[in-house]
Amino acid sequence: MSTSVATAPRDSRRLARAAQIFVALFALLDPLRPTLLTGAEQGERGDLYVRYLQISTTVGLVAIIVFVLWFRRCRHNAELLSPGSFTYSPGWAVGAWFTPVLMFWRPRRIALDIHRVLTHGSAPDNTVTLINAWWAAWIGHTAAGLLATSADNTASLPLSITAQALYPIAAVLVIVVIQRFTTAQTHPQPHKPSAPA
């Protein structure tokens, strides 16, 4: 049970914009890794690769932090708009991303619940498809990346290429999800009863 005294949704536009920017920046930086890594292994561009790793790691960490803060605020705002409509507590909006095994499906479930609450399950749109496409690309990227680190040399290259190809797709899709959720919170739809069948 929430003990928050807030009665109106908090503006999430700044967090949304920051999340979109840092997700996009990391999507632009990540494809450079194989090129610079190859040069570093050959004894070339070693300093450049170290600097790239520092920048890329910082941008990636900031992207994760800002995105999770934005996601938590969306969950909080949706609860204010429709109290008691969620299966999972607000803490799961953060914890689900870092809990082994659950991290592969619970954040998606929370995103779908946020969408349902923000739109009151009224007019059909393609947001559920968008969320599912983002999640499929994200899980594919994560799984391919994890497998690439444990695979032999023959399998690791195609898996790494797959992981790197899927991340920009996931990034573009989540940027659109962020925009849709933020717009829905900024201009919430009034609750309309379902039309009789």
Protein backbone atom coordinates (compact mmCIF):
# COMPACT_ATOMS: atom_id res chain seq x y z
CA MET A 1 0.00 0.00 0.00
CA SER A 2 1.37 3.40 -1.02
CA THR A 3 1.86 6.04 1.66
CA SER A 4 2.57 8.84 -0.81
CA VAL A 5 0.66 12.07 -0.23
CA ALA A 6 1.02 13.18 -3.85
CA THR A 7 -2.33 13.38 -5.62
CA ALA A 8 -1.24 14.46 -9.10
CA PRO A 9 1.22 12.79 -11.46
CA ARG A 10 4.72 14.24 -11.41
CA ASP A 11 6.07 15.65 -14.65
CA SER A 12 8.30 13.05 -16.29
CA ARG A 13 9.26 15.00 -19.40
CA ARG A 14 12.80 15.93 -18.27
CA LEU A 15 13.60 12.36 -17.24
CA ALA A 16 12.08 11.12 -20.49
CA ARG A 17 14.21 13.45 -22.60
CA ALA A 18 17.37 12.56 -20.69
CA ALA A 19 16.62 8.84 -21.06
CA GLN A 20 16.03 9.22 -24.80
CA ILE A 21 19.26 11.18 -25.28
CA PHE A 22 21.47 8.76 -23.35
CA VAL A 23 19.89 5.65 -24.89
CA ALA A 24 20.50 7.17 -28.34
CA LEU A 25 24.09 8.15 -27.48
CA PHE A 26 24.90 4.64 -26.30
CA ALA A 27 23.30 3.20 -29.44
CA LEU A 28 25.67 5.37 -31.49
CA LEU A 29 28.75 4.46 -29.41
CA ASP A 30 28.22 0.71 -29.12
CA PRO A 31 28.85 -0.20 -32.81
CA LEU A 32 32.35 1.32 -32.56
CA ARG A 33 33.46 -1.33 -30.04
CA PRO A 34 34.49 -4.12 -32.49
CA THR A 35 36.51 -1.77 -34.71
CA LEU A 36 38.40 -0.22 -31.81
CA LEU A 37 38.81 -3.57 -30.05
CA THR A 38 40.44 -5.09 -33.14
CA GLY A 39 42.87 -2.20 -33.33
CA ALA A 40 43.64 -2.47 -29.61
CA GLU A 41 44.36 -6.20 -29.89
CA GLN A 42 46.81 -5.47 -32.66
CA GLY A 43 48.61 -2.95 -30.50
CA GLU A 44 47.09 0.01 -32.34
CA ARG A 45 44.69 2.61 -30.98
CA GLY A 46 45.16 1.33 -27.43
CA ASP A 47 44.72 4.74 -25.80
CA LEU A 48 41.74 5.50 -28.00
CA TYR A 49 40.08 2.23 -26.98
CA VAL A 50 40.63 2.96 -23.28
CA ARG A 51 39.05 6.40 -23.69
CA TYR A 52 36.21 4.91 -25.71
CA LEU A 53 35.55 2.36 -22.94
CA GLN A 54 35.47 5.09 -20.30
CA ILE A 55 33.03 7.23 -22.29
CA SER A 56 30.89 4.29 -23.42
CA THR A 57 30.65 2.84 -19.91
CA THR A 58 29.72 6.23 -18.43
CA VAL A 59 27.07 6.89 -21.08
CA GLY A 60 25.69 3.35 -20.65
CA LEU A 61 25.45 3.68 -16.86
CA VAL A 62 23.77 7.08 -17.09
CA ALA A 63 21.33 5.68 -19.67
CA ILE A 64 20.40 2.82 -17.33
CA ILE A 65 19.99 5.08 -14.29
CA VAL A 66 17.92 7.74 -16.04
CA PHE A 67 15.75 5.19 -17.85
CA VAL A 68 15.00 3.27 -14.63
CA LEU A 69 14.18 6.53 -12.82
CA TRP A 70 11.84 7.48 -15.66
CA PHE A 71 10.24 4.01 -15.63
CA ARG A 72 9.71 4.24 -11.85
CA ARG A 73 8.09 7.66 -12.21
CA CYS A 74 5.77 6.34 -14.94
CA ARG A 75 4.73 3.50 -12.66
CA HIS A 76 4.15 5.94 -9.77
CA ASN A 77 2.12 8.30 -11.98
CA ALA A 78 0.00 5.47 -13.33
CA GLU A 79 -0.76 4.36 -9.76
CA LEU A 80 -1.98 7.89 -8.95
CA LEU A 81 -4.20 7.88 -12.03
CA SER A 82 -5.68 4.47 -11.20
CA PRO A 83 -4.96 3.30 -7.63
CA GLY A 84 -4.88 -0.44 -7.04
CA SER A 85 -4.64 -1.35 -10.73
CA PHE A 86 -1.23 -3.02 -10.56
CA THR A 87 -0.16 -6.55 -9.74
CA TYR A 88 3.36 -5.50 -8.74
CA SER A 89 4.33 -2.81 -6.23
CA PRO A 90 6.12 0.39 -7.35
CA GLY A 91 9.44 -1.01 -6.09
CA TRP A 92 9.33 -3.63 -8.82
CA ALA A 93 9.56 -0.87 -11.44
CA VAL A 94 13.22 -0.65 -10.37
CA GLY A 95 13.90 -4.06 -8.85
CA ALA A 96 12.57 -6.07 -11.78
CA TRP A 97 15.41 -4.84 -13.99
CA PHE A 98 18.06 -6.22 -11.63
CA THR A 99 16.49 -9.46 -10.39
CA PRO A 100 17.95 -12.55 -12.06
CA VAL A 101 15.49 -14.50 -14.22
CA LEU A 102 12.61 -12.08 -13.46
CA MET A 103 14.44 -9.41 -15.44
CA PHE A 104 13.57 -11.32 -18.62
CA TRP A 105 9.82 -10.77 -18.36
CA ARG A 106 8.63 -8.71 -15.38
CA PRO A 107 9.68 -5.24 -16.68
CA ARG A 108 7.66 -5.95 -19.85
CA ARG A 109 4.65 -6.91 -17.73
CA ILE A 110 4.95 -3.67 -15.75
CA ALA A 111 5.25 -1.67 -18.99
CA LEU A 112 2.08 -3.31 -20.32
CA ASP A 113 0.28 -2.50 -17.06
CA ILE A 114 1.42 1.14 -17.24
CA HIS A 115 0.13 1.35 -20.81
CA ARG A 116 -3.21 -0.22 -19.84
CA VAL A 117 -3.68 2.24 -16.98
CA LEU A 118 -2.62 5.31 -18.96
CA THR A 119 -5.03 4.50 -21.80
CA HIS A 120 -7.73 2.92 -19.60
CA GLY A 121 -7.65 -0.04 -22.00
CA SER A 122 -9.88 2.01 -24.30
CA ALA A 123 -8.99 2.74 -27.90
CA PRO A 124 -6.91 0.02 -29.52
CA ASP A 125 -3.54 1.19 -30.76
CA ASN A 126 -0.19 -0.34 -31.68
CA THR A 127 1.54 0.42 -28.37
CA VAL A 128 1.31 -3.18 -27.14
CA THR A 129 2.94 -4.32 -30.39
CA LEU A 130 5.58 -1.62 -29.94
CA ILE A 131 6.31 -2.75 -26.35
CA ASN A 132 6.54 -6.39 -27.47
CA ALA A 133 8.86 -5.52 -30.38
CA TRP A 134 11.10 -3.45 -28.07
CA TRP A 135 11.18 -6.26 -25.53
CA ALA A 136 11.97 -8.93 -28.16
CA ALA A 137 14.85 -6.82 -29.52
CA TRP A 138 16.15 -6.10 -26.00
CA ILE A 139 16.01 -9.75 -24.89
CA GLY A 140 17.60 -10.85 -28.17
CA HIS A 141 20.42 -8.33 -27.68
CA THR A 142 20.96 -9.36 -24.05
CA ALA A 143 20.86 -13.11 -24.74
CA ALA A 144 23.16 -12.88 -27.77
CA GLY A 145 25.62 -10.74 -25.80
CA LEU A 146 25.67 -13.17 -22.87
CA LEU A 147 26.11 -16.17 -25.17
CA ALA A 148 28.89 -14.44 -27.12
CA THR A 149 30.99 -14.01 -23.98
CA SER A 150 30.84 -17.74 -23.21
CA ALA A 151 31.00 -19.13 -26.76
CA ASP A 152 34.08 -20.31 -28.63
CA ASN A 153 35.68 -18.11 -31.29
CA THR A 154 33.62 -19.65 -34.10
CA ALA A 155 30.27 -18.86 -32.49
CA SER A 156 31.16 -15.67 -30.63
CA LEU A 157 31.53 -13.46 -33.72
CA PRO A 158 28.03 -14.08 -35.16
CA LEU A 159 26.52 -13.76 -31.68
CA SER A 160 28.35 -10.46 -31.09
CA ILE A 161 27.18 -9.15 -34.46
CA THR A 162 23.61 -10.17 -33.63
CA ALA A 163 23.78 -8.47 -30.23
CA GLN A 164 25.13 -5.27 -31.75
CA ALA A 165 22.57 -5.29 -34.56
CA LEU A 166 19.68 -5.69 -32.12
CA TYR A 167 20.69 -2.94 -29.69
CA PRO A 168 20.03 0.02 -32.05
CA ILE A 169 16.66 -1.53 -32.94
CA ALA A 170 15.78 -1.89 -29.24
CA ALA A 171 17.03 1.67 -28.63
CA VAL A 172 14.83 3.21 -31.34
CA LEU A 173 11.79 1.25 -30.12
CA VAL A 174 12.29 2.19 -26.45
CA ILE A 175 12.73 5.85 -27.39
CA VAL A 176 9.27 5.69 -29.00
CA VAL A 177 7.86 3.85 -25.94
CA ILE A 178 9.28 6.59 -23.69
CA GLN A 179 7.63 9.24 -25.86
CA ARG A 180 4.24 7.51 -25.84
CA PHE A 181 4.18 6.90 -22.09
CA THR A 182 5.33 10.43 -21.32
CA THR A 183 2.74 11.99 -23.64
CA ALA A 184 0.00 9.83 -22.10
CA GLN A 185 0.97 11.02 -18.61
CA THR A 186 1.23 14.65 -19.66
CA HIS A 187 -2.19 14.55 -21.36
CA PRO A 188 -4.02 11.71 -19.59
CA GLN A 189 -7.09 10.36 -21.33
CA PRO A 190 -10.35 10.58 -19.43
CA HIS A 191 -11.73 7.24 -18.37
CA LYS A 192 -14.44 6.19 -20.81
CA PRO A 193 -16.74 3.25 -20.20
CA SER A 194 -16.52 0.49 -22.76
CA ALA A 195 -19.13 0.59 -25.50
CA PRO A 196 -21.70 -2.20 -25.30
CA ALA A 197 -21.02 -5.11 -27.59
